[in-house]
Amino acid sequence: MKVVATIEARMTSSRLPGKVLMPLLEKPALERMIERIKHARYIDEIVVATTVNKADNPIVELCDRLGVSCYRGSEEDVLERVLIAARNVKADLICELTGDCPLIDPLIIDNVIIAHRSGSYDHTSNFLNQRTFPIGLDVQVFPTHVLEKVAVLTDDPIDRVHVSYYIYCNPKLFRLNGITANPEVFGPDIRITLDTKEDYEFIQKIFTALHREDSIFYARDIVKFIKKNPELMNINRHIRQKVAAEG
């Protein structure tokens, strides 16, 4: 079974345009994210799902430089974009990630994949029912054939924008599974997603403090660092997380 990490990424973010290529210690955030995903043991390939907009040409150029697969599709129909990207690299199992999570943890990715393979599930995530992990470490795993089914079942714009939203909102149709954070990585009030300039400032401080070019830091290191420096959370504590209905 081929497991593929799909990354949804575009330059025309409404709150922070160009965020996926903003630098984290001299490398674009998307490149840093890809570096971290490559440490996941159970990911066989990475594909970036971007759009046909000219503004996203730099994303394609980055993928070419890194030797990472890339697919260009609709900006509005992200579900179709991710599905075709996954098909193009012959993915059996999709690990859905978004480009606003440059601090994604490869250990969490592996744990979600392991949990998914532990039973006959249609969808496994680390945010089912109640958030226990920091915002910005979201991982979803589901078979490609399940997303193919969803593509036929719904034309709702919200479902098409959020890819797997229809799956985890319909527990009567799909077998859902979820993992929760252990005490080392518990932090539902910690925001390390990249969506605003305040988020970027916060992530920069974390990355500068913890990153080493010859090793990788994990979610447990981030949570430990923030607990030692709780005042840093004031940088983006006031930022409201957008809900699905807002697109």
C-alpha atoms as a PDB file:
ATOM      1  CA  MET A   1       0.000   0.000   0.000  1.00  0.00           C
ATOM      2  CA  LYS A   2       1.580   3.271  -1.136  1.00  0.00           C
ATOM      3  CA  VAL A   3       1.186   6.106   1.375  1.00  0.00           C
ATOM      4  CA  VAL A   4       1.418   9.608  -0.081  1.00  0.00           C
ATOM      5  CA  ALA A   5       1.521  12.896   1.794  1.00  0.00           C
ATOM      6  CA  THR A   6      -0.451  15.531  -0.094  1.00  0.00           C
ATOM      7  CA  ILE A   7       0.239  19.187   0.728  1.00  0.00           C
ATOM      8  CA  GLU A   8      -2.335  21.791  -0.254  1.00  0.00           C
ATOM      9  CA  ALA A   9      -0.427  24.987  -0.983  1.00  0.00           C
ATOM     10  CA  ARG A  10      -1.090  28.259  -2.805  1.00  0.00           C
ATOM     11  CA  MET A  11       0.217  31.811  -2.767  1.00  0.00           C
ATOM     12  CA  THR A  12      -3.109  33.677  -2.625  1.00  0.00           C
ATOM     13  CA  SER A  13      -4.012  33.182   1.022  1.00  0.00           C
ATOM     14  CA  SER A  14      -6.601  35.758   2.130  1.00  0.00           C
ATOM     15  CA  ARG A  15      -4.976  36.622   5.473  1.00  0.00           C
ATOM     16  CA  LEU A  16      -1.280  36.218   4.625  1.00  0.00           C
ATOM     17  CA  PRO A  17      -0.530  36.056   0.877  1.00  0.00           C
ATOM     18  CA  GLY A  18       2.627  34.157  -0.022  1.00  0.00           C
ATOM     19  CA  LYS A  19       2.865  32.556   3.419  1.00  0.00           C
ATOM     20  CA  VAL A  20       4.006  29.135   2.188  1.00  0.00           C
ATOM     21  CA  LEU A  21       7.206  30.645   0.784  1.00  0.00           C
ATOM     22  CA  MET A  22       7.984  33.004   3.660  1.00  0.00           C
ATOM     23  CA  PRO A  23      11.479  32.241   5.000  1.00  0.00           C
ATOM     24  CA  LEU A  24      12.258  30.201   8.077  1.00  0.00           C
ATOM     25  CA  LEU A  25      16.008  30.550   8.606  1.00  0.00           C
ATOM     26  CA  GLU A  26      16.663  31.302   4.933  1.00  0.00           C
ATOM     27  CA  LYS A  27      14.511  28.505   3.501  1.00  0.00           C
ATOM     28  CA  PRO A  28      10.845  28.780   2.428  1.00  0.00           C
ATOM     29  CA  ALA A  29       8.311  27.512   4.970  1.00  0.00           C
ATOM     30  CA  LEU A  30       7.073  24.920   2.467  1.00  0.00           C
ATOM     31  CA  GLU A  31      10.604  23.584   2.023  1.00  0.00           C
ATOM     32  CA  ARG A  32      10.993  23.327   5.794  1.00  0.00           C
ATOM     33  CA  MET A  33       7.691  21.455   5.966  1.00  0.00           C
ATOM     34  CA  ILE A  34       8.804  19.021   3.250  1.00  0.00           C
ATOM     35  CA  GLU A  35      12.085  18.447   5.099  1.00  0.00           C
ATOM     36  CA  ARG A  36      10.131  17.478   8.207  1.00  0.00           C
ATOM     37  CA  ILE A  37       7.690  15.182   6.375  1.00  0.00           C
ATOM     38  CA  LYS A  38      10.626  13.258   4.899  1.00  0.00           C
ATOM     39  CA  HIS A  39      11.474  12.107   8.418  1.00  0.00           C
ATOM     40  CA  ALA A  40       8.157  10.210   8.632  1.00  0.00           C
ATOM     41  CA  ARG A  41       8.893   6.488   8.287  1.00  0.00           C
ATOM     42  CA  TYR A  42       5.610   5.539   6.632  1.00  0.00           C
ATOM     43  CA  ILE A  43       5.391   8.219   3.938  1.00  0.00           C
ATOM     44  CA  ASP A  44       6.444   6.810   0.559  1.00  0.00           C
ATOM     45  CA  GLU A  45       6.098   9.989  -1.490  1.00  0.00           C
ATOM     46  CA  ILE A  46       5.144  13.659  -1.190  1.00  0.00           C
ATOM     47  CA  VAL A  47       3.039  15.553  -3.718  1.00  0.00           C
ATOM     48  CA  VAL A  48       2.226  19.253  -3.535  1.00  0.00           C
ATOM     49  CA  ALA A  49      -1.273  20.111  -4.767  1.00  0.00           C
ATOM     50  CA  THR A  50      -1.237  23.711  -5.963  1.00  0.00           C
ATOM     51  CA  THR A  51      -3.292  25.696  -8.471  1.00  0.00           C
ATOM     52  CA  VAL A  52      -3.101  26.723 -12.116  1.00  0.00           C
ATOM     53  CA  ASN A  53      -2.784  30.399 -11.110  1.00  0.00           C
ATOM     54  CA  LYS A  54       0.367  32.137 -12.330  1.00  0.00           C
ATOM     55  CA  ALA A  55       0.902  33.324  -8.763  1.00  0.00           C
ATOM     56  CA  ASP A  56       1.674  29.714  -7.850  1.00  0.00           C
ATOM     57  CA  ASN A  57       4.511  29.335 -10.355  1.00  0.00           C
ATOM     58  CA  PRO A  58       7.099  29.817  -7.556  1.00  0.00           C
ATOM     59  CA  ILE A  59       5.624  26.810  -5.718  1.00  0.00           C
ATOM     60  CA  VAL A  60       6.089  24.671  -8.814  1.00  0.00           C
ATOM     61  CA  GLU A  61       9.646  25.967  -9.203  1.00  0.00           C
ATOM     62  CA  LEU A  62      10.394  25.051  -5.575  1.00  0.00           C
ATOM     63  CA  CYS A  63       9.042  21.531  -6.087  1.00  0.00           C
ATOM     64  CA  ASP A  64      11.166  21.141  -9.230  1.00  0.00           C
ATOM     65  CA  ARG A  65      14.263  22.246  -7.315  1.00  0.00           C
ATOM     66  CA  LEU A  66      13.536  19.814  -4.472  1.00  0.00           C
ATOM     67  CA  GLY A  67      12.576  16.921  -6.741  1.00  0.00           C
ATOM     68  CA  VAL A  68       9.096  16.745  -5.217  1.00  0.00           C
ATOM     69  CA  SER A  69       6.004  15.843  -7.246  1.00  0.00           C
ATOM     70  CA  CYS A  70       3.565  18.665  -7.941  1.00  0.00           C
ATOM     71  CA  TYR A  71       0.089  18.859  -9.438  1.00  0.00           C
ATOM     72  CA  ARG A  72      -1.710  22.032 -10.558  1.00  0.00           C
ATOM     73  CA  GLY A  73      -5.485  22.113 -10.413  1.00  0.00           C
ATOM     74  CA  SER A  74      -8.517  24.156  -9.420  1.00  0.00           C
ATOM     75  CA  GLU A  75      -8.178  26.798  -6.735  1.00  0.00           C
ATOM     76  CA  GLU A  76     -11.797  26.399  -5.580  1.00  0.00           C
ATOM     77  CA  ASP A  77     -12.216  22.618  -5.893  1.00  0.00           C
ATOM     78  CA  VAL A  78      -9.437  21.525  -3.557  1.00  0.00           C
ATOM     79  CA  LEU A  79     -10.999  18.081  -3.173  1.00  0.00           C
ATOM     80  CA  GLU A  80     -10.582  17.400  -6.883  1.00  0.00           C
ATOM     81  CA  ARG A  81      -7.078  18.914  -6.830  1.00  0.00           C
ATOM     82  CA  VAL A  82      -5.915  16.616  -4.033  1.00  0.00           C
ATOM     83  CA  LEU A  83      -7.644  13.581  -5.527  1.00  0.00           C
ATOM     84  CA  ILE A  84      -6.007  13.992  -8.936  1.00  0.00           C
ATOM     85  CA  ALA A  85      -2.644  14.741  -7.315  1.00  0.00           C
ATOM     86  CA  ALA A  86      -2.943  11.484  -5.358  1.00  0.00           C
ATOM     87  CA  ARG A  87      -4.010   9.528  -8.424  1.00  0.00           C
ATOM     88  CA  ASN A  88      -1.095  10.895 -10.451  1.00  0.00           C
ATOM     89  CA  VAL A  89       1.403   9.346  -8.025  1.00  0.00           C
ATOM     90  CA  LYS A  90      -0.682   6.163  -7.602  1.00  0.00           C
ATOM     91  CA  ALA A  91      -1.463   6.712  -3.924  1.00  0.00           C
ATOM     92  CA  ASP A  92      -3.381   3.994  -2.109  1.00  0.00           C
ATOM     93  CA  LEU A  93      -3.496   5.927   1.152  1.00  0.00           C
ATOM     94  CA  ILE A  94      -3.583   9.717   1.379  1.00  0.00           C
ATOM     95  CA  CYS A  95      -2.027  11.573   4.280  1.00  0.00           C
ATOM     96  CA  GLU A  96      -3.669  14.971   3.898  1.00  0.00           C
ATOM     97  CA  LEU A  97      -1.639  17.956   5.086  1.00  0.00           C
ATOM     98  CA  THR A  98      -1.960  21.679   4.497  1.00  0.00           C
ATOM     99  CA  GLY A  99       0.803  24.104   3.605  1.00  0.00           C
ATOM    100  CA  ASP A 100       0.111  26.290   6.627  1.00  0.00           C
ATOM    101  CA  CYS A 101       1.662  23.673   8.952  1.00  0.00           C
ATOM    102  CA  PRO A 102       5.441  24.139   8.549  1.00  0.00           C
ATOM    103  CA  LEU A 103       6.092  22.639  12.010  1.00  0.00           C
ATOM    104  CA  ILE A 104       4.277  19.388  11.217  1.00  0.00           C
ATOM    105  CA  ASP A 105       5.622  16.490  13.277  1.00  0.00           C
ATOM    106  CA  PRO A 106       6.753  13.313  11.434  1.00  0.00           C
ATOM    107  CA  LEU A 107       6.167  11.228  14.574  1.00  0.00           C
ATOM    108  CA  ILE A 108       2.528  12.343  14.676  1.00  0.00           C
ATOM    109  CA  ILE A 109       2.205  11.550  10.971  1.00  0.00           C
ATOM    110  CA  ASP A 110       3.518   8.045  11.624  1.00  0.00           C
ATOM    111  CA  ASN A 111       1.240   7.567  14.639  1.00  0.00           C
ATOM    112  CA  VAL A 112      -1.865   8.525  12.662  1.00  0.00           C
ATOM    113  CA  ILE A 113      -0.883   6.136   9.872  1.00  0.00           C
ATOM    114  CA  ILE A 114      -0.285   3.330  12.384  1.00  0.00           C
ATOM    115  CA  ALA A 115      -3.646   4.021  14.033  1.00  0.00           C
ATOM    116  CA  HIS A 116      -5.370   3.957  10.647  1.00  0.00           C
ATOM    117  CA  ARG A 117      -3.835   0.606   9.778  1.00  0.00           C
ATOM    118  CA  SER A 118      -4.885  -0.876  13.120  1.00  0.00           C
ATOM    119  CA  GLY A 119      -8.468  -1.389  11.928  1.00  0.00           C
ATOM    120  CA  SER A 120     -10.842  -1.152   8.985  1.00  0.00           C
ATOM    121  CA  TYR A 121     -11.213   2.631   9.004  1.00  0.00           C
ATOM    122  CA  ASP A 122     -12.200   5.090   6.301  1.00  0.00           C
ATOM    123  CA  HIS A 123     -10.624   8.104   7.996  1.00  0.00           C
ATOM    124  CA  THR A 124      -8.181   8.606  10.862  1.00  0.00           C
ATOM    125  CA  SER A 125      -7.155  11.974  12.279  1.00  0.00           C
ATOM    126  CA  ASN A 126      -5.682  13.606  15.368  1.00  0.00           C
ATOM    127  CA  PHE A 127      -8.550  16.046  15.906  1.00  0.00           C
ATOM    128  CA  LEU A 128     -11.665  13.865  15.912  1.00  0.00           C
ATOM    129  CA  ASN A 129     -14.366  15.025  18.380  1.00  0.00           C
ATOM    130  CA  GLN A 130     -12.041  17.182  20.504  1.00  0.00           C
ATOM    131  CA  ARG A 131      -8.729  18.915  19.864  1.00  0.00           C
ATOM    132  CA  THR A 132      -5.837  17.799  22.046  1.00  0.00           C
ATOM    133  CA  PHE A 133      -2.861  18.639  19.818  1.00  0.00           C
ATOM    134  CA  PRO A 134      -1.656  22.190  19.094  1.00  0.00           C
ATOM    135  CA  ILE A 135      -3.318  23.912  16.128  1.00  0.00           C
ATOM    136  CA  GLY A 136      -0.957  23.421  13.196  1.00  0.00           C
ATOM    137  CA  LEU A 137      -0.189  19.730  13.685  1.00  0.00           C
ATOM    138  CA  ASP A 138      -3.314  18.336  12.006  1.00  0.00           C
ATOM    139  CA  VAL A 139      -2.937  15.026  10.163  1.00  0.00           C
ATOM    140  CA  GLN A 140      -5.625  13.090   8.286  1.00  0.00           C
ATOM    141  CA  VAL A 141      -5.270   9.681   6.672  1.00  0.00           C
ATOM    142  CA  PHE A 142      -7.771   7.984   4.372  1.00  0.00           C
ATOM    143  CA  PRO A 143      -7.765   5.674   1.325  1.00  0.00           C
ATOM    144  CA  THR A 144      -7.823   7.256  -2.113  1.00  0.00           C
ATOM    145  CA  HIS A 145     -10.947   5.261  -2.959  1.00  0.00           C
ATOM    146  CA  VAL A 146     -12.794   6.923  -0.060  1.00  0.00           C
ATOM    147  CA  LEU A 147     -12.027  10.376  -1.468  1.00  0.00           C
ATOM    148  CA  GLU A 148     -13.164   9.149  -4.874  1.00  0.00           C
ATOM    149  CA  LYS A 149     -16.477   8.197  -3.271  1.00  0.00           C
ATOM    150  CA  VAL A 150     -16.775  11.621  -1.631  1.00  0.00           C
ATOM    151  CA  ALA A 151     -16.105  13.346  -4.950  1.00  0.00           C
ATOM    152  CA  VAL A 152     -19.267  11.688  -6.289  1.00  0.00           C
ATOM    153  CA  LEU A 153     -21.404  12.193  -3.173  1.00  0.00           C
ATOM    154  CA  THR A 154     -21.066  15.965  -2.675  1.00  0.00           C
ATOM    155  CA  ASP A 155     -20.956  19.152  -4.710  1.00  0.00           C
ATOM    156  CA  ASP A 156     -21.229  21.423  -1.672  1.00  0.00           C
ATOM    157  CA  PRO A 157     -18.588  24.179  -2.057  1.00  0.00           C
ATOM    158  CA  ILE A 158     -17.567  23.818   1.596  1.00  0.00           C
ATOM    159  CA  ASP A 159     -16.926  20.093   1.116  1.00  0.00           C
ATOM    160  CA  ARG A 160     -14.985  20.751  -2.074  1.00  0.00           C
ATOM    161  CA  VAL A 161     -12.785  23.391  -0.404  1.00  0.00           C
ATOM    162  CA  HIS A 162     -12.019  21.338   2.721  1.00  0.00           C
ATOM    163  CA  VAL A 163     -11.326  18.011   0.945  1.00  0.00           C
ATOM    164  CA  SER A 164     -12.138  15.516   3.721  1.00  0.00           C
ATOM    165  CA  TYR A 165     -14.693  17.619   5.619  1.00  0.00           C
ATOM    166  CA  TYR A 166     -17.579  15.525   4.259  1.00  0.00           C
ATOM    167  CA  ILE A 167     -15.948  12.338   5.547  1.00  0.00           C
ATOM    168  CA  TYR A 168     -15.519  13.252   9.200  1.00  0.00           C
ATOM    169  CA  CYS A 169     -18.854  15.079   9.292  1.00  0.00           C
ATOM    170  CA  ASN A 170     -20.700  11.903   8.287  1.00  0.00           C
ATOM    171  CA  PRO A 171     -19.925   9.202  10.869  1.00  0.00           C
ATOM    172  CA  LYS A 172     -22.952   7.183   9.698  1.00  0.00           C
ATOM    173  CA  LEU A 173     -21.404   6.806   6.251  1.00  0.00           C
ATOM    174  CA  PHE A 174     -17.751   6.380   7.171  1.00  0.00           C
ATOM    175  CA  ARG A 175     -15.784   4.511   9.815  1.00  0.00           C
ATOM    176  CA  LEU A 176     -13.903   7.185  11.721  1.00  0.00           C
ATOM    177  CA  ASN A 177     -10.922   6.813  14.005  1.00  0.00           C
ATOM    178  CA  GLY A 178      -8.984   9.336  16.061  1.00  0.00           C
ATOM    179  CA  ILE A 179      -5.885   9.605  18.206  1.00  0.00           C
ATOM    180  CA  THR A 180      -5.367  11.963  21.142  1.00  0.00           C
ATOM    181  CA  ALA A 181      -2.239  13.719  22.359  1.00  0.00           C
ATOM    182  CA  ASN A 182      -0.158  12.309  25.174  1.00  0.00           C
ATOM    183  CA  PRO A 183       0.864  14.733  27.954  1.00  0.00           C
ATOM    184  CA  GLU A 184       4.143  15.641  26.208  1.00  0.00           C
ATOM    185  CA  VAL A 185       2.371  17.089  23.182  1.00  0.00           C
ATOM    186  CA  PHE A 186      -0.963  18.125  24.724  1.00  0.00           C
ATOM    187  CA  GLY A 187      -1.619  21.746  23.802  1.00  0.00           C
ATOM    188  CA  PRO A 188      -5.010  22.593  22.282  1.00  0.00           C
ATOM    189  CA  ASP A 189      -4.502  26.250  23.224  1.00  0.00           C
ATOM    190  CA  ILE A 190      -1.180  26.495  21.347  1.00  0.00           C
ATOM    191  CA  ARG A 191      -1.396  27.962  17.847  1.00  0.00           C
ATOM    192  CA  ILE A 192       1.476  27.056  15.517  1.00  0.00           C
ATOM    193  CA  THR A 193      -0.352  27.249  12.204  1.00  0.00           C
ATOM    194  CA  LEU A 194       0.796  29.862   9.671  1.00  0.00           C
ATOM    195  CA  ASP A 195      -2.156  32.086   8.766  1.00  0.00           C
ATOM    196  CA  THR A 196      -1.288  35.630   9.887  1.00  0.00           C
ATOM    197  CA  LYS A 197       1.783  37.830  10.387  1.00  0.00           C
ATOM    198  CA  GLU A 198       1.504  37.179  14.131  1.00  0.00           C
ATOM    199  CA  ASP A 199       1.580  33.424  13.496  1.00  0.00           C
ATOM    200  CA  TYR A 200       4.672  33.914  11.359  1.00  0.00           C
ATOM    201  CA  GLU A 201       6.406  35.868  14.123  1.00  0.00           C
ATOM    202  CA  PHE A 202       5.567  33.132  16.650  1.00  0.00           C
ATOM    203  CA  ILE A 203       6.719  30.299  14.375  1.00  0.00           C
ATOM    204  CA  GLN A 204       9.936  32.160  13.583  1.00  0.00           C
ATOM    205  CA  LYS A 205      10.775  32.349  17.281  1.00  0.00           C
ATOM    206  CA  ILE A 206      10.096  28.625  17.750  1.00  0.00           C
ATOM    207  CA  PHE A 207      12.085  27.672  14.683  1.00  0.00           C
ATOM    208  CA  THR A 208      15.035  29.898  15.546  1.00  0.00           C
ATOM    209  CA  ALA A 209      15.196  28.495  19.075  1.00  0.00           C
ATOM    210  CA  LEU A 210      14.866  24.798  18.215  1.00  0.00           C
ATOM    211  CA  HIS A 211      16.089  24.181  14.677  1.00  0.00           C
ATOM    212  CA  ARG A 212      19.430  22.540  13.963  1.00  0.00           C
ATOM    213  CA  GLU A 213      20.429  21.719  10.384  1.00  0.00           C
ATOM    214  CA  ASP A 214      21.781  18.301  11.393  1.00  0.00           C
ATOM    215  CA  SER A 215      18.726  17.147  13.370  1.00  0.00           C
ATOM    216  CA  ILE A 216      14.979  17.600  13.758  1.00  0.00           C
ATOM    217  CA  PHE A 217      12.843  18.846  16.631  1.00  0.00           C
ATOM    218  CA  TYR A 218       9.427  17.436  17.440  1.00  0.00           C
ATOM    219  CA  ALA A 219       6.089  18.543  18.855  1.00  0.00           C
ATOM    220  CA  ARG A 220       7.200  17.560  22.336  1.00  0.00           C
ATOM    221  CA  ASP A 221      10.138  19.970  22.007  1.00  0.00           C
ATOM    222  CA  ILE A 222       7.814  22.751  20.846  1.00  0.00           C
ATOM    223  CA  VAL A 223       5.382  22.248  23.734  1.00  0.00           C
ATOM    224  CA  LYS A 224       8.246  22.088  26.238  1.00  0.00           C
ATOM    225  CA  PHE A 225       9.769  25.289  24.829  1.00  0.00           C
ATOM    226  CA  ILE A 226       6.453  27.143  24.987  1.00  0.00           C
ATOM    227  CA  LYS A 227       5.769  25.993  28.544  1.00  0.00           C
ATOM    228  CA  LYS A 228       9.154  27.442  29.504  1.00  0.00           C
ATOM    229  CA  ASN A 229       8.370  30.663  27.621  1.00  0.00           C
ATOM    230  CA  PRO A 230       4.583  31.090  28.008  1.00  0.00           C
ATOM    231  CA  GLU A 231       4.739  34.832  27.271  1.00  0.00           C
ATOM    232  CA  LEU A 232       5.452  33.987  23.611  1.00  0.00           C
ATOM    233  CA  MET A 233       1.861  32.811  23.203  1.00  0.00           C
ATOM    234  CA  ASN A 234       0.743  36.420  23.583  1.00  0.00           C
ATOM    235  CA  ILE A 235       2.048  37.056  20.060  1.00  0.00           C
ATOM    236  CA  ASN A 236      -0.857  35.262  18.375  1.00  0.00           C
ATOM    237  CA  ARG A 237      -3.192  34.313  21.228  1.00  0.00           C
ATOM    238  CA  HIS A 238      -5.814  36.758  19.916  1.00  0.00           C
ATOM    239  CA  ILE A 239      -5.962  35.235  16.411  1.00  0.00           C
ATOM    240  CA  ARG A 240      -9.264  33.515  15.745  1.00  0.00           C
ATOM    241  CA  GLN A 241      -9.119  30.182  13.948  1.00  0.00           C
ATOM    242  CA  LYS A 242     -11.351  30.242  10.883  1.00  0.00           C
ATOM    243  CA  VAL A 243     -14.218  27.750  10.818  1.00  0.00           C
ATOM    244  CA  ALA A 244     -14.985  25.521   7.833  1.00  0.00           C
ATOM    245  CA  ALA A 245     -17.952  27.600   6.679  1.00  0.00           C
ATOM    246  CA  GLU A 246     -15.615  30.531   6.035  1.00  0.00           C
ATOM    247  CA  GLY A 247     -13.825  28.612   3.285  1.00  0.00           C
END
